[in-house]
C-alpha atoms as a PDB file:
ATOM      1  CA  MET A   1      -0.117  -0.209  -0.401  1.00  0.00           C
ATOM      2  CA  LYS A   2       2.671   1.977   0.967  1.00  0.00           C
ATOM      3  CA  LYS A   3       4.739   1.931  -2.685  1.00  0.00           C
ATOM      4  CA  LEU A   4       1.259   2.910  -4.159  1.00  0.00           C
ATOM      5  CA  ILE A   5       0.614   6.184  -2.016  1.00  0.00           C
ATOM      6  CA  VAL A   6       4.417   7.184  -2.998  1.00  0.00           C
ATOM      7  CA  LEU A   7       3.718   6.195  -6.473  1.00  0.00           C
ATOM      8  CA  ALA A   8       0.757   8.310  -6.490  1.00  0.00           C
ATOM      9  CA  VAL A   9       2.907  11.072  -4.667  1.00  0.00           C
ATOM     10  CA  PHE A  10       5.344  11.006  -7.454  1.00  0.00           C
ATOM     11  CA  ALA A  11       3.248  10.961 -10.380  1.00  0.00           C
ATOM     12  CA  ALA A  12       1.171  13.963  -9.126  1.00  0.00           C
ATOM     13  CA  ILE A  13       4.381  15.715  -8.541  1.00  0.00           C
ATOM     14  CA  LEU A  14       5.558  14.735 -11.722  1.00  0.00           C
ATOM     15  CA  PHE A  15       2.226  15.936 -13.480  1.00  0.00           C
ATOM     16  CA  VAL A  16       2.658  19.449 -11.220  1.00  0.00           C
ATOM     17  CA  SER A  17       5.886  19.816 -12.864  1.00  0.00           C
ATOM     18  CA  CYS A  18       5.418  19.058 -16.242  1.00  0.00           C
ATOM     19  CA  ASP A  19       2.324  21.925 -16.130  1.00  0.00           C
ATOM     20  CA  ASP A  20       4.895  24.610 -14.392  1.00  0.00           C
ATOM     21  CA  THR A  21       7.307  23.256 -17.432  1.00  0.00           C
ATOM     22  CA  ARG A  22       4.763  23.916 -19.756  1.00  0.00           C
ATOM     23  CA  LYS A  23       3.750  27.583 -17.961  1.00  0.00           C
ATOM     24  CA  THR A  24       7.346  28.432 -18.260  1.00  0.00           C
ATOM     25  CA  LEU A  25       7.487  27.421 -21.919  1.00  0.00           C
ATOM     26  CA  HIS A  26       4.160  29.406 -22.757  1.00  0.00           C
ATOM     27  CA  ASP A  27       5.959  32.621 -21.078  1.00  0.00           C
ATOM     28  CA  ASN A  28       9.014  32.225 -22.872  1.00  0.00           C
ATOM     29  CA  TYR A  29       7.052  32.034 -26.069  1.00  0.00           C
ATOM     30  CA  LEU A  30       5.322  34.986 -25.251  1.00  0.00           C
ATOM     31  CA  GLU A  31       8.549  36.467 -24.716  1.00  0.00           C
ATOM     32  CA  PHE A  32       9.531  35.871 -27.976  1.00  0.00           C
ATOM     33  CA  VAL A  33       6.516  37.137 -29.532  1.00  0.00           C
ATOM     34  CA  MET A  34       7.280  40.362 -28.253  1.00  0.00           C
ATOM     35  CA  HIS A  35      10.672  40.326 -29.625  1.00  0.00           C
ATOM     36  CA  THR A  36       9.313  39.148 -32.774  1.00  0.00           C
ATOM     37  CA  ASP A  37       6.924  42.008 -32.709  1.00  0.00           C
ATOM     38  CA  SER A  38       9.714  44.974 -32.322  1.00  0.00           C
ATOM     39  CA  LEU A  39      11.619  43.390 -34.738  1.00  0.00           C
ATOM     40  CA  GLU A  40       8.351  43.583 -36.697  1.00  0.00           C
ATOM     41  CA  VAL A  41       8.742  47.747 -36.222  1.00  0.00           C
ATOM     42  CA  VAL A  42      12.495  48.037 -37.106  1.00  0.00           C
ATOM     43  CA  HIS A  43      11.417  45.886 -39.961  1.00  0.00           C
ATOM     44  CA  GLU A  44       8.743  48.460 -41.200  1.00  0.00           C
ATOM     45  CA  ALA A  45      10.752  51.178 -40.621  1.00  0.00           C
ATOM     46  CA  MET A  46      13.848  49.646 -42.901  1.00  0.00           C
ATOM     47  CA  THR A  47      11.136  49.005 -45.073  1.00  0.00           C
ATOM     48  CA  VAL A  48      10.225  52.699 -45.335  1.00  0.00           C
ATOM     49  CA  SER A  49      13.776  53.567 -45.546  1.00  0.00           C
ATOM     50  CA  HIS A  50      14.470  51.073 -47.941  1.00  0.00           C
ATOM     51  CA  GLU A  51      11.858  52.351 -50.761  1.00  0.00           C
ATOM     52  CA  GLN A  52      12.406  56.073 -49.930  1.00  0.00           C
ATOM     53  CA  LEU A  53      16.377  55.135 -50.876  1.00  0.00           C
ATOM     54  CA  LYS A  54      15.253  53.436 -53.877  1.00  0.00           C
ATOM     55  CA  ALA A  55      12.878  56.194 -54.575  1.00  0.00           C
ATOM     56  CA  ASP A  56      15.845  59.018 -54.303  1.00  0.00           C
ATOM     57  CA  THR A  57      17.899  56.337 -56.644  1.00  0.00           C
ATOM     58  CA  ARG A  58      15.985  56.362 -59.694  1.00  0.00           C
ATOM     59  CA  THR A  59      15.614  60.260 -58.967  1.00  0.00           C
ATOM     60  CA  LEU A  60      19.472  60.635 -59.340  1.00  0.00           C
ATOM     61  CA  SER A  61      19.906  58.017 -62.002  1.00  0.00           C
ATOM     62  CA  ASP A  62      17.291  60.288 -64.016  1.00  0.00           C
ATOM     63  CA  LYS A  63      19.271  63.204 -63.011  1.00  0.00           C
ATOM     64  CA  LEU A  64      22.372  61.822 -63.686  1.00  0.00           C
ATOM     65  CA  LYS A  65      21.376  60.495 -67.753  1.00  0.00           C
ATOM     66  CA  GLU A  66      20.111  64.265 -68.183  1.00  0.00           C
ATOM     67  CA  VAL A  67      23.541  65.643 -67.602  1.00  0.00           C
ATOM     68  CA  GLU A  68      26.027  65.092 -70.809  1.00  0.00           C
ATOM     69  CA  GLU A  69      29.207  64.834 -68.706  1.00  0.00           C
ATOM     70  CA  THR A  70      28.114  62.157 -66.357  1.00  0.00           C
ATOM     71  CA  ASP A  71      31.022  60.325 -65.143  1.00  0.00           C
ATOM     72  CA  SER A  72      30.761  56.595 -66.036  1.00  0.00           C
ATOM     73  CA  ILE A  73      31.915  56.114 -62.297  1.00  0.00           C
ATOM     74  CA  ALA A  74      29.002  57.696 -61.068  1.00  0.00           C
ATOM     75  CA  MET A  75      26.455  55.472 -63.124  1.00  0.00           C
ATOM     76  CA  ALA A  76      28.299  52.321 -62.041  1.00  0.00           C
ATOM     77  CA  ASP A  77      27.798  53.435 -58.789  1.00  0.00           C
ATOM     78  CA  LEU A  78      24.321  53.882 -58.821  1.00  0.00           C
ATOM     79  CA  GLN A  79      23.664  50.578 -60.830  1.00  0.00           C
ATOM     80  CA  LYS A  80      25.516  48.950 -57.568  1.00  0.00           C
ATOM     81  CA  HIS A  81      23.276  50.709 -55.481  1.00  0.00           C
ATOM     82  CA  GLN A  82      20.459  49.566 -57.377  1.00  0.00           C
ATOM     83  CA  MET A  83      21.306  45.878 -57.674  1.00  0.00           C
ATOM     84  CA  LEU A  84      21.840  45.881 -53.385  1.00  0.00           C
ATOM     85  CA  LEU A  85      18.788  47.504 -53.279  1.00  0.00           C
ATOM     86  CA  LYS A  86      17.122  45.223 -55.297  1.00  0.00           C
ATOM     87  CA  GLN A  87      18.887  42.227 -53.047  1.00  0.00           C
ATOM     88  CA  GLN A  88      17.372  43.875 -49.734  1.00  0.00           C
ATOM     89  CA  ALA A  89      14.134  44.038 -50.936  1.00  0.00           C
ATOM     90  CA  GLU A  90      13.891  40.257 -51.626  1.00  0.00           C
ATOM     91  CA  THR A  91      15.684  40.065 -48.214  1.00  0.00           C
ATOM     92  CA  LEU A  92      13.098  42.154 -46.064  1.00  0.00           C
ATOM     93  CA  ASN A  93      10.801  40.129 -48.016  1.00  0.00           C
ATOM     94  CA  LYS A  94      11.962  36.576 -46.998  1.00  0.00           C
ATOM     95  CA  LEU A  95      12.330  38.358 -42.999  1.00  0.00           C
ATOM     96  CA  LYS A  96       8.635  39.524 -43.138  1.00  0.00           C
ATOM     97  CA  SER A  97       7.845  35.761 -43.913  1.00  0.00           C
ATOM     98  CA  THR A  98       9.405  34.758 -41.045  1.00  0.00           C
ATOM     99  CA  ILE A  99       8.149  37.272 -38.820  1.00  0.00           C
ATOM    100  CA  GLU A 100       4.605  36.308 -39.852  1.00  0.00           C
ATOM    101  CA  SER A 101       5.552  32.838 -39.283  1.00  0.00           C
ATOM    102  CA  HIS A 102       6.257  33.097 -35.837  1.00  0.00           C
ATOM    103  CA  SER A 103       2.381  34.851 -34.934  1.00  0.00           C
ATOM    104  CA  GLU A 104       1.228  32.031 -36.841  1.00  0.00           C
ATOM    105  CA  LEU A 105       2.556  29.557 -34.592  1.00  0.00           C
ATOM    106  CA  LYS A 106       0.762  30.911 -31.316  1.00  0.00           C
ATOM    107  CA  ALA A 107      -2.453  28.608 -31.450  1.00  0.00           C
ATOM    108  CA  TYR A 108      -0.365  25.484 -31.755  1.00  0.00           C
ATOM    109  CA  PHE A 109       2.325  26.615 -29.337  1.00  0.00           C
ATOM    110  CA  MET A 110      -0.447  27.567 -26.572  1.00  0.00           C
ATOM    111  CA  SER A 111      -2.488  24.413 -27.449  1.00  0.00           C
ATOM    112  CA  ASP A 112      -2.239  21.460 -25.701  1.00  0.00           C
ATOM    113  CA  SER A 113      -1.911  19.176 -28.770  1.00  0.00           C
ATOM    114  CA  ILE A 114       2.228  20.297 -28.428  1.00  0.00           C
ATOM    115  CA  THR A 115       4.997  18.344 -26.352  1.00  0.00           C
ATOM    116  CA  VAL A 116       7.126  20.017 -24.118  1.00  0.00           C
ATOM    117  CA  THR A 117       9.864  18.739 -26.576  1.00  0.00           C
ATOM    118  CA  GLN A 118       8.505  20.377 -29.491  1.00  0.00           C
ATOM    119  CA  MET A 119       7.685  23.475 -27.627  1.00  0.00           C
ATOM    120  CA  GLU A 120      11.753  23.561 -26.360  1.00  0.00           C
ATOM    121  CA  GLN A 121      12.824  23.134 -30.203  1.00  0.00           C
ATOM    122  CA  GLN A 122      10.071  25.911 -31.124  1.00  0.00           C
ATOM    123  CA  LEU A 123      11.484  28.496 -28.686  1.00  0.00           C
ATOM    124  CA  THR A 124      15.006  27.685 -30.076  1.00  0.00           C
ATOM    125  CA  ASP A 125      14.326  27.671 -33.861  1.00  0.00           C
ATOM    126  CA  MET A 126      12.394  31.147 -32.955  1.00  0.00           C
ATOM    127  CA  GLU A 127      15.593  32.620 -30.987  1.00  0.00           C
ATOM    128  CA  ALA A 128      17.726  31.745 -33.974  1.00  0.00           C
ATOM    129  CA  ASN A 129      15.396  33.123 -36.421  1.00  0.00           C
ATOM    130  CA  ASN A 130      14.810  36.328 -34.447  1.00  0.00           C
ATOM    131  CA  GLU A 131      18.828  36.752 -34.044  1.00  0.00           C
ATOM    132  CA  GLU A 132      19.123  36.369 -38.198  1.00  0.00           C
ATOM    133  CA  ILE A 133      16.771  38.687 -38.654  1.00  0.00           C
ATOM    134  CA  ALA A 134      18.138  41.387 -36.198  1.00  0.00           C
ATOM    135  CA  ALA A 135      21.663  40.775 -37.712  1.00  0.00           C
ATOM    136  CA  ARG A 136      20.219  41.189 -41.169  1.00  0.00           C
ATOM    137  CA  LEU A 137      18.547  44.191 -40.166  1.00  0.00           C
ATOM    138  CA  ASN A 138      21.203  45.683 -38.890  1.00  0.00           C
ATOM    139  CA  GLN A 139      23.475  44.818 -42.003  1.00  0.00           C
ATOM    140  CA  ILE A 140      20.217  46.518 -44.616  1.00  0.00           C
ATOM    141  CA  LYS A 141      20.736  49.523 -41.999  1.00  0.00           C
ATOM    142  CA  THR A 142      24.759  49.826 -42.426  1.00  0.00           C
ATOM    143  CA  GLU A 143      24.071  49.205 -46.124  1.00  0.00           C
ATOM    144  CA  LEU A 144      21.451  52.073 -46.261  1.00  0.00           C
ATOM    145  CA  LYS A 145      23.750  54.508 -44.827  1.00  0.00           C
ATOM    146  CA  THR A 146      26.660  54.079 -46.836  1.00  0.00           C
ATOM    147  CA  ILE A 147      24.581  54.210 -50.569  1.00  0.00           C
ATOM    148  CA  GLU A 148      22.464  57.221 -48.795  1.00  0.00           C
ATOM    149  CA  ALA A 149      26.088  58.762 -48.035  1.00  0.00           C
ATOM    150  CA  GLU A 150      27.401  57.736 -51.684  1.00  0.00           C
ATOM    151  CA  GLN A 151      24.398  59.031 -53.408  1.00  0.00           C
ATOM    152  CA  GLU A 152      24.952  62.428 -51.262  1.00  0.00           C
ATOM    153  CA  ALA A 153      28.416  62.978 -53.035  1.00  0.00           C
ATOM    154  CA  LEU A 154      27.108  62.185 -56.416  1.00  0.00           C
ATOM    155  CA  LYS A 155      24.123  64.605 -55.756  1.00  0.00           C
ATOM    156  CA  GLN A 156      27.042  67.394 -54.715  1.00  0.00           C
ATOM    157  CA  THR A 157      29.172  66.315 -58.031  1.00  0.00           C
ATOM    158  CA  SER A 158      26.233  66.322 -60.744  1.00  0.00           C
ATOM    159  CA  ASP A 159      24.912  69.830 -59.090  1.00  0.00           C
ATOM    160  CA  LYS A 160      28.221  71.248 -59.465  1.00  0.00           C
END
């Protein structure tokens, strides 16, 4: 009888500890969602900056084409900028998809159909995704600043 009682107590403790693990993982997931939301805000701001710089690049390109004495190096720089902006647009679209996939997981993650192991793996994947998103957004921000500075120099050259 004592063995049965000890086994029942052990099972109850195990059940309660699993519940705590699940709750902790849910809380961790919600923290990752908040982090993803902040990355989404940064992503949107970066997209706006990207689109503005893309429009500025087109305007500068048109302006340089009108000037007869346009430096071929300046045109090559603009073409390089346009290619980089195109690559950034593709990257921003991929990052947006990843960000959206995190929010789509909420119903599944919060349900009881997912195991603790699956939850832990999902959190690990989300952390890696968020780190990748943050790194790529920082890289794009740096590239945009470089393009903007180079184009400012080109504008000053074309105005002379």
